């Protein structure tokens, strides 16, 4: 019988927990991402009994889930460094460059990733691609800049659409860029971030994952940077 998506998510979340467990101490601080796979990791972490000091969450939803397990959640400004960041991805390539932001938490996710010593990305093998871009690229935008950003993204060759009914934790909008295959993720990440009004985009290329764990029907594979 084939594993369900939920089973694949639990399996890769367990693999991430098993990977970080030997390195944790009572002083360890963890960065925790957002989304259904990250939620599975939180569920396991909350009952693991592993030693660590606390967490920094990339979204209000993840922060609440962590608190529900009695796990301390701190503001990043109060933390010197994060030993590990554990989060999912919407797409990942062989260079461990990612597209993230399907849950609209990309800016905070990128901040937490930048503050972390080691980024463990967890996903199922359907997220592995040769070229990023089949999944629409999320871009967080200050609302008054919507038209400027849409025009600029269209000029870059994409098909931008505002994600209806979504406001980020930072009170901004999300523009998803469709039909936009990305041959050079680092250059594209830089170019989009230079558009006036863009807060952040969902390319994690300059700071990609250090370890990518991919669950499939035959188990979990690991890819290292």
C-alpha atoms as a PDB file:
ATOM      1  CA  UNK A   1       0.000   0.000   0.000  1.00  0.00           C
ATOM      2  CA  UNK A   2       1.321   3.431  -0.928  1.00  0.00           C
ATOM      3  CA  UNK A   3       2.099   5.914   1.818  1.00  0.00           C
ATOM      4  CA  UNK A   4      -0.228   8.888   2.100  1.00  0.00           C
ATOM      5  CA  UNK A   5       0.982  12.489   1.966  1.00  0.00           C
ATOM      6  CA  UNK A   6       0.466  12.764   5.711  1.00  0.00           C
ATOM      7  CA  UNK A   7       2.586   9.669   6.268  1.00  0.00           C
ATOM      8  CA  UNK A   8       5.346  11.049   4.038  1.00  0.00           C
ATOM      9  CA  UNK A   9       5.316  14.314   5.974  1.00  0.00           C
ATOM     10  CA  UNK A  10       5.540  12.537   9.316  1.00  0.00           C
ATOM     11  CA  UNK A  11       8.333  10.315   8.046  1.00  0.00           C
ATOM     12  CA  UNK A  12      10.504  13.202   6.854  1.00  0.00           C
ATOM     13  CA  UNK A  13       9.758  15.205  10.010  1.00  0.00           C
ATOM     14  CA  UNK A  14      10.951  12.240  12.074  1.00  0.00           C
ATOM     15  CA  UNK A  15      14.113  12.039   9.966  1.00  0.00           C
ATOM     16  CA  UNK A  16      14.825  15.702  10.706  1.00  0.00           C
ATOM     17  CA  UNK A  17      14.283  15.152  14.424  1.00  0.00           C
ATOM     18  CA  UNK A  18      16.603  12.141  14.352  1.00  0.00           C
ATOM     19  CA  UNK A  19      19.246  14.217  12.541  1.00  0.00           C
ATOM     20  CA  UNK A  20      19.309  17.113  14.999  1.00  0.00           C
ATOM     21  CA  UNK A  21      18.801  15.067  18.195  1.00  0.00           C
ATOM     22  CA  UNK A  22      22.469  14.101  18.803  1.00  0.00           C
ATOM     23  CA  UNK A  23      23.545  17.745  18.509  1.00  0.00           C
ATOM     24  CA  UNK A  24      21.090  19.328  20.915  1.00  0.00           C
ATOM     25  CA  UNK A  25      21.953  20.603  24.399  1.00  0.00           C
ATOM     26  CA  UNK A  26      19.890  22.391  27.036  1.00  0.00           C
ATOM     27  CA  UNK A  27      21.204  25.660  25.563  1.00  0.00           C
ATOM     28  CA  UNK A  28      20.155  24.914  21.972  1.00  0.00           C
ATOM     29  CA  UNK A  29      17.809  27.317  20.205  1.00  0.00           C
ATOM     30  CA  UNK A  30      15.778  26.160  17.208  1.00  0.00           C
ATOM     31  CA  UNK A  31      14.189  28.012  14.309  1.00  0.00           C
ATOM     32  CA  UNK A  32      10.841  26.532  13.294  1.00  0.00           C
ATOM     33  CA  UNK A  33       9.162  27.078   9.945  1.00  0.00           C
ATOM     34  CA  UNK A  34       5.598  27.189   8.704  1.00  0.00           C
ATOM     35  CA  UNK A  35       3.305  24.801   6.870  1.00  0.00           C
ATOM     36  CA  UNK A  36       1.933  21.291   7.064  1.00  0.00           C
ATOM     37  CA  UNK A  37       5.308  19.521   7.075  1.00  0.00           C
ATOM     38  CA  UNK A  38       6.703  21.918   9.679  1.00  0.00           C
ATOM     39  CA  UNK A  39       3.586  21.228  11.733  1.00  0.00           C
ATOM     40  CA  UNK A  40       4.430  17.532  11.730  1.00  0.00           C
ATOM     41  CA  UNK A  41       7.900  18.399  13.007  1.00  0.00           C
ATOM     42  CA  UNK A  42       6.394  20.522  15.785  1.00  0.00           C
ATOM     43  CA  UNK A  43       4.127  17.633  16.777  1.00  0.00           C
ATOM     44  CA  UNK A  44       7.132  15.326  17.110  1.00  0.00           C
ATOM     45  CA  UNK A  45       9.331  17.913  18.808  1.00  0.00           C
ATOM     46  CA  UNK A  46       6.625  18.645  21.363  1.00  0.00           C
ATOM     47  CA  UNK A  47       6.578  15.061  22.605  1.00  0.00           C
ATOM     48  CA  UNK A  48      10.254  14.194  22.055  1.00  0.00           C
ATOM     49  CA  UNK A  49      11.692  15.154  25.433  1.00  0.00           C
ATOM     50  CA  UNK A  50      14.842  16.381  23.670  1.00  0.00           C
ATOM     51  CA  UNK A  51      16.968  19.036  25.382  1.00  0.00           C
ATOM     52  CA  UNK A  52      16.758  22.562  23.985  1.00  0.00           C
ATOM     53  CA  UNK A  53      16.200  26.030  25.384  1.00  0.00           C
ATOM     54  CA  UNK A  54      13.519  27.425  23.118  1.00  0.00           C
ATOM     55  CA  UNK A  55      12.443  28.327  19.611  1.00  0.00           C
ATOM     56  CA  UNK A  56      11.962  31.189  17.195  1.00  0.00           C
ATOM     57  CA  UNK A  57       8.941  30.752  14.913  1.00  0.00           C
ATOM     58  CA  UNK A  58       8.563  32.026  11.356  1.00  0.00           C
ATOM     59  CA  UNK A  59       4.830  32.694  11.715  1.00  0.00           C
ATOM     60  CA  UNK A  60       2.176  33.401  14.311  1.00  0.00           C
ATOM     61  CA  UNK A  61       0.527  30.077  13.449  1.00  0.00           C
ATOM     62  CA  UNK A  62       3.694  28.089  14.185  1.00  0.00           C
ATOM     63  CA  UNK A  63       4.330  30.102  17.342  1.00  0.00           C
ATOM     64  CA  UNK A  64       0.884  29.215  18.667  1.00  0.00           C
ATOM     65  CA  UNK A  65       1.339  25.550  17.807  1.00  0.00           C
ATOM     66  CA  UNK A  66       4.647  25.500  19.674  1.00  0.00           C
ATOM     67  CA  UNK A  67       3.102  27.195  22.704  1.00  0.00           C
ATOM     68  CA  UNK A  68       0.298  24.639  22.686  1.00  0.00           C
ATOM     69  CA  UNK A  69       2.995  22.033  23.379  1.00  0.00           C
ATOM     70  CA  UNK A  70       4.480  24.163  26.136  1.00  0.00           C
ATOM     71  CA  UNK A  71       7.541  24.989  24.028  1.00  0.00           C
ATOM     72  CA  UNK A  72       9.017  28.456  24.702  1.00  0.00           C
ATOM     73  CA  UNK A  73       8.828  30.853  21.733  1.00  0.00           C
ATOM     74  CA  UNK A  74      11.174  33.840  21.788  1.00  0.00           C
ATOM     75  CA  UNK A  75      11.561  36.940  19.670  1.00  0.00           C
ATOM     76  CA  UNK A  76      14.589  36.713  17.397  1.00  0.00           C
ATOM     77  CA  UNK A  77      15.962  39.942  18.879  1.00  0.00           C
ATOM     78  CA  UNK A  78      16.432  38.104  22.184  1.00  0.00           C
ATOM     79  CA  UNK A  79      18.416  35.231  20.659  1.00  0.00           C
ATOM     80  CA  UNK A  80      22.112  35.285  19.762  1.00  0.00           C
ATOM     81  CA  UNK A  81      21.935  32.462  17.208  1.00  0.00           C
ATOM     82  CA  UNK A  82      19.839  29.489  16.153  1.00  0.00           C
ATOM     83  CA  UNK A  83      21.557  26.110  15.981  1.00  0.00           C
ATOM     84  CA  UNK A  84      19.077  24.637  13.496  1.00  0.00           C
ATOM     85  CA  UNK A  85      16.255  25.888  11.310  1.00  0.00           C
ATOM     86  CA  UNK A  86      13.731  23.231  10.262  1.00  0.00           C
ATOM     87  CA  UNK A  87      11.198  24.046   7.569  1.00  0.00           C
ATOM     88  CA  UNK A  88       9.526  22.714   4.446  1.00  0.00           C
ATOM     89  CA  UNK A  89       9.654  23.894   0.841  1.00  0.00           C
ATOM     90  CA  UNK A  90       7.341  24.176  -2.130  1.00  0.00           C
ATOM     91  CA  UNK A  91      10.155  23.277  -4.557  1.00  0.00           C
ATOM     92  CA  UNK A  92      13.823  22.324  -4.260  1.00  0.00           C
ATOM     93  CA  UNK A  93      16.527  21.757  -6.855  1.00  0.00           C
ATOM     94  CA  UNK A  94      19.748  19.765  -6.746  1.00  0.00           C
ATOM     95  CA  UNK A  95      21.721  22.777  -5.504  1.00  0.00           C
ATOM     96  CA  UNK A  96      19.365  22.957  -2.501  1.00  0.00           C
ATOM     97  CA  UNK A  97      17.917  26.236  -3.758  1.00  0.00           C
ATOM     98  CA  UNK A  98      14.263  26.513  -2.830  1.00  0.00           C
ATOM     99  CA  UNK A  99      10.946  28.152  -3.535  1.00  0.00           C
ATOM    100  CA  UNK A 100       9.042  28.843  -0.327  1.00  0.00           C
ATOM    101  CA  UNK A 101       6.083  30.985   0.624  1.00  0.00           C
ATOM    102  CA  UNK A 102       3.031  28.905  -0.174  1.00  0.00           C
ATOM    103  CA  UNK A 103       1.923  29.649   3.375  1.00  0.00           C
ATOM    104  CA  UNK A 104       2.641  33.382   2.960  1.00  0.00           C
ATOM    105  CA  UNK A 105       5.356  33.383   5.662  1.00  0.00           C
ATOM    106  CA  UNK A 106       8.337  33.775   3.312  1.00  0.00           C
ATOM    107  CA  UNK A 107       9.823  36.961   4.771  1.00  0.00           C
ATOM    108  CA  UNK A 108       9.912  35.715   8.333  1.00  0.00           C
ATOM    109  CA  UNK A 109      11.101  32.327   7.103  1.00  0.00           C
ATOM    110  CA  UNK A 110      13.983  34.011   5.282  1.00  0.00           C
ATOM    111  CA  UNK A 111      14.901  36.030   8.377  1.00  0.00           C
ATOM    112  CA  UNK A 112      14.952  32.935  10.583  1.00  0.00           C
ATOM    113  CA  UNK A 113      16.953  30.990   7.984  1.00  0.00           C
ATOM    114  CA  UNK A 114      19.519  33.799   7.817  1.00  0.00           C
ATOM    115  CA  UNK A 115      19.928  33.695  11.596  1.00  0.00           C
ATOM    116  CA  UNK A 116      20.468  29.921  11.679  1.00  0.00           C
ATOM    117  CA  UNK A 117      23.720  28.004  11.591  1.00  0.00           C
ATOM    118  CA  UNK A 118      22.212  25.003   9.753  1.00  0.00           C
ATOM    119  CA  UNK A 119      19.025  24.797   7.676  1.00  0.00           C
ATOM    120  CA  UNK A 120      17.313  21.410   7.450  1.00  0.00           C
ATOM    121  CA  UNK A 121      14.662  21.440   4.728  1.00  0.00           C
ATOM    122  CA  UNK A 122      12.017  18.710   4.878  1.00  0.00           C
ATOM    123  CA  UNK A 123       9.705  17.766   2.013  1.00  0.00           C
ATOM    124  CA  UNK A 124       8.332  14.866   0.047  1.00  0.00           C
ATOM    125  CA  UNK A 125      10.086  13.848  -3.164  1.00  0.00           C
ATOM    126  CA  UNK A 126       7.424  15.458  -5.358  1.00  0.00           C
ATOM    127  CA  UNK A 127       8.950  18.827  -4.416  1.00  0.00           C
ATOM    128  CA  UNK A 128      12.295  17.960  -6.072  1.00  0.00           C
ATOM    129  CA  UNK A 129      12.673  19.600  -9.497  1.00  0.00           C
ATOM    130  CA  UNK A 130      15.440  20.139 -12.032  1.00  0.00           C
ATOM    131  CA  UNK A 131      14.451  23.783 -12.580  1.00  0.00           C
ATOM    132  CA  UNK A 132      12.559  25.945 -10.105  1.00  0.00           C
ATOM    133  CA  UNK A 133       9.386  27.666 -11.220  1.00  0.00           C
ATOM    134  CA  UNK A 134       6.579  25.202 -11.816  1.00  0.00           C
ATOM    135  CA  UNK A 135       5.300  26.247  -8.391  1.00  0.00           C
ATOM    136  CA  UNK A 136       4.297  29.926  -8.599  1.00  0.00           C
ATOM    137  CA  UNK A 137       6.894  32.173  -6.981  1.00  0.00           C
ATOM    138  CA  UNK A 138       5.477  34.144  -4.031  1.00  0.00           C
ATOM    139  CA  UNK A 139       6.521  37.769  -3.605  1.00  0.00           C
ATOM    140  CA  UNK A 140       5.614  39.771  -0.496  1.00  0.00           C
ATOM    141  CA  UNK A 141       4.759  43.352  -1.433  1.00  0.00           C
ATOM    142  CA  UNK A 142       3.829  46.567   0.367  1.00  0.00           C
ATOM    143  CA  UNK A 143       0.188  47.104  -0.683  1.00  0.00           C
ATOM    144  CA  UNK A 144       0.593  50.567  -2.218  1.00  0.00           C
ATOM    145  CA  UNK A 145       3.265  49.196  -4.577  1.00  0.00           C
ATOM    146  CA  UNK A 146       1.013  46.496  -6.075  1.00  0.00           C
ATOM    147  CA  UNK A 147       0.768  47.998  -9.574  1.00  0.00           C
ATOM    148  CA  UNK A 148       4.476  48.849  -9.771  1.00  0.00           C
ATOM    149  CA  UNK A 149       5.496  45.346  -8.765  1.00  0.00           C
ATOM    150  CA  UNK A 150       2.977  43.615 -11.031  1.00  0.00           C
ATOM    151  CA  UNK A 151       4.284  45.603 -14.016  1.00  0.00           C
ATOM    152  CA  UNK A 152       7.907  44.829 -13.187  1.00  0.00           C
ATOM    153  CA  UNK A 153       7.272  41.105 -12.722  1.00  0.00           C
ATOM    154  CA  UNK A 154       5.356  40.984 -15.993  1.00  0.00           C
ATOM    155  CA  UNK A 155       8.309  42.668 -17.721  1.00  0.00           C
ATOM    156  CA  UNK A 156      10.566  39.916 -16.333  1.00  0.00           C
ATOM    157  CA  UNK A 157       8.460  37.342 -18.177  1.00  0.00           C
ATOM    158  CA  UNK A 158       6.175  36.099 -15.426  1.00  0.00           C
ATOM    159  CA  UNK A 159       2.410  36.141 -15.002  1.00  0.00           C
ATOM    160  CA  UNK A 160       1.824  37.850 -11.635  1.00  0.00           C
ATOM    161  CA  UNK A 161      -1.440  37.501  -9.733  1.00  0.00           C
ATOM    162  CA  UNK A 162      -2.345  38.926  -6.344  1.00  0.00           C
ATOM    163  CA  UNK A 163      -3.225  36.136  -3.914  1.00  0.00           C
ATOM    164  CA  UNK A 164      -6.787  36.982  -3.017  1.00  0.00           C
ATOM    165  CA  UNK A 165      -7.805  37.229   0.626  1.00  0.00           C
ATOM    166  CA  UNK A 166      -4.265  36.842   1.987  1.00  0.00           C
ATOM    167  CA  UNK A 167      -2.529  39.369   4.240  1.00  0.00           C
ATOM    168  CA  UNK A 168       0.832  38.372   5.703  1.00  0.00           C
ATOM    169  CA  UNK A 169       1.807  38.580   9.374  1.00  0.00           C
ATOM    170  CA  UNK A 170       3.645  41.756   8.309  1.00  0.00           C
ATOM    171  CA  UNK A 171       0.363  43.244   6.926  1.00  0.00           C
ATOM    172  CA  UNK A 172       1.470  43.005   3.311  1.00  0.00           C
ATOM    173  CA  UNK A 173       0.064  41.294   0.213  1.00  0.00           C
ATOM    174  CA  UNK A 174       1.382  38.293  -1.721  1.00  0.00           C
ATOM    175  CA  UNK A 175       1.808  38.343  -5.489  1.00  0.00           C
ATOM    176  CA  UNK A 176       2.310  34.875  -7.002  1.00  0.00           C
ATOM    177  CA  UNK A 177       4.280  34.722 -10.258  1.00  0.00           C
ATOM    178  CA  UNK A 178       3.075  31.976 -12.601  1.00  0.00           C
ATOM    179  CA  UNK A 179       4.662  30.634 -15.808  1.00  0.00           C
ATOM    180  CA  UNK A 180       8.088  31.727 -14.591  1.00  0.00           C
ATOM    181  CA  UNK A 181      10.826  29.118 -14.920  1.00  0.00           C
ATOM    182  CA  UNK A 182      13.987  30.171 -13.083  1.00  0.00           C
ATOM    183  CA  UNK A 183      17.309  29.190 -14.669  1.00  0.00           C
ATOM    184  CA  UNK A 184      19.450  31.350 -12.356  1.00  0.00           C
ATOM    185  CA  UNK A 185      17.809  31.432  -8.909  1.00  0.00           C
ATOM    186  CA  UNK A 186      20.426  33.636  -7.227  1.00  0.00           C
ATOM    187  CA  UNK A 187      20.300  36.327  -9.923  1.00  0.00           C
ATOM    188  CA  UNK A 188      16.502  36.208 -10.033  1.00  0.00           C
ATOM    189  CA  UNK A 189      16.224  36.457  -6.248  1.00  0.00           C
ATOM    190  CA  UNK A 190      18.414  39.570  -6.304  1.00  0.00           C
ATOM    191  CA  UNK A 191      16.597  41.162  -9.251  1.00  0.00           C
ATOM    192  CA  UNK A 192      13.121  40.771  -7.743  1.00  0.00           C
ATOM    193  CA  UNK A 193      14.234  42.083  -4.362  1.00  0.00           C
ATOM    194  CA  UNK A 194      15.442  45.259  -6.076  1.00  0.00           C
ATOM    195  CA  UNK A 195      11.944  46.111  -7.349  1.00  0.00           C
ATOM    196  CA  UNK A 196      10.601  49.074  -5.371  1.00  0.00           C
ATOM    197  CA  UNK A 197       7.886  47.894  -2.999  1.00  0.00           C
ATOM    198  CA  UNK A 198       9.041  44.279  -2.770  1.00  0.00           C
ATOM    199  CA  UNK A 199       9.678  43.182   0.802  1.00  0.00           C
ATOM    200  CA  UNK A 200      10.984  39.736  -0.049  1.00  0.00           C
ATOM    201  CA  UNK A 201      10.522  36.937  -2.579  1.00  0.00           C
ATOM    202  CA  UNK A 202      10.210  33.203  -2.087  1.00  0.00           C
ATOM    203  CA  UNK A 203      13.508  32.217  -3.689  1.00  0.00           C
ATOM    204  CA  UNK A 204      15.870  30.800  -1.080  1.00  0.00           C
ATOM    205  CA  UNK A 205      18.956  30.683  -3.289  1.00  0.00           C
ATOM    206  CA  UNK A 206      21.543  32.916  -1.608  1.00  0.00           C
ATOM    207  CA  UNK A 207      20.646  31.161   1.643  1.00  0.00           C
ATOM    208  CA  UNK A 208      19.439  27.744   0.583  1.00  0.00           C
ATOM    209  CA  UNK A 209      19.217  24.593   2.652  1.00  0.00           C
ATOM    210  CA  UNK A 210      22.264  22.883   4.137  1.00  0.00           C
ATOM    211  CA  UNK A 211      20.489  19.530   4.169  1.00  0.00           C
ATOM    212  CA  UNK A 212      17.453  18.490   2.142  1.00  0.00           C
ATOM    213  CA  UNK A 213      15.487  15.500   3.396  1.00  0.00           C
ATOM    214  CA  UNK A 214      13.015  14.034   0.896  1.00  0.00           C
ATOM    215  CA  UNK A 215      10.519  11.342   1.822  1.00  0.00           C
ATOM    216  CA  UNK A 216       9.220   8.871  -0.722  1.00  0.00           C
ATOM    217  CA  UNK A 217       7.647   5.460  -1.009  1.00  0.00           C
ATOM    218  CA  UNK A 218      11.001   3.775  -0.400  1.00  0.00           C
ATOM    219  CA  UNK A 219      12.126   5.937   2.532  1.00  0.00           C
ATOM    220  CA  UNK A 220      13.915   9.234   3.136  1.00  0.00           C
ATOM    221  CA  UNK A 221      16.775  10.467   0.958  1.00  0.00           C
ATOM    222  CA  UNK A 222      19.222  13.160   2.038  1.00  0.00           C
ATOM    223  CA  UNK A 223      20.956  15.731  -0.171  1.00  0.00           C
ATOM    224  CA  UNK A 224      23.697  17.947   1.235  1.00  0.00           C
ATOM    225  CA  UNK A 225      24.955  21.285  -0.001  1.00  0.00           C
END
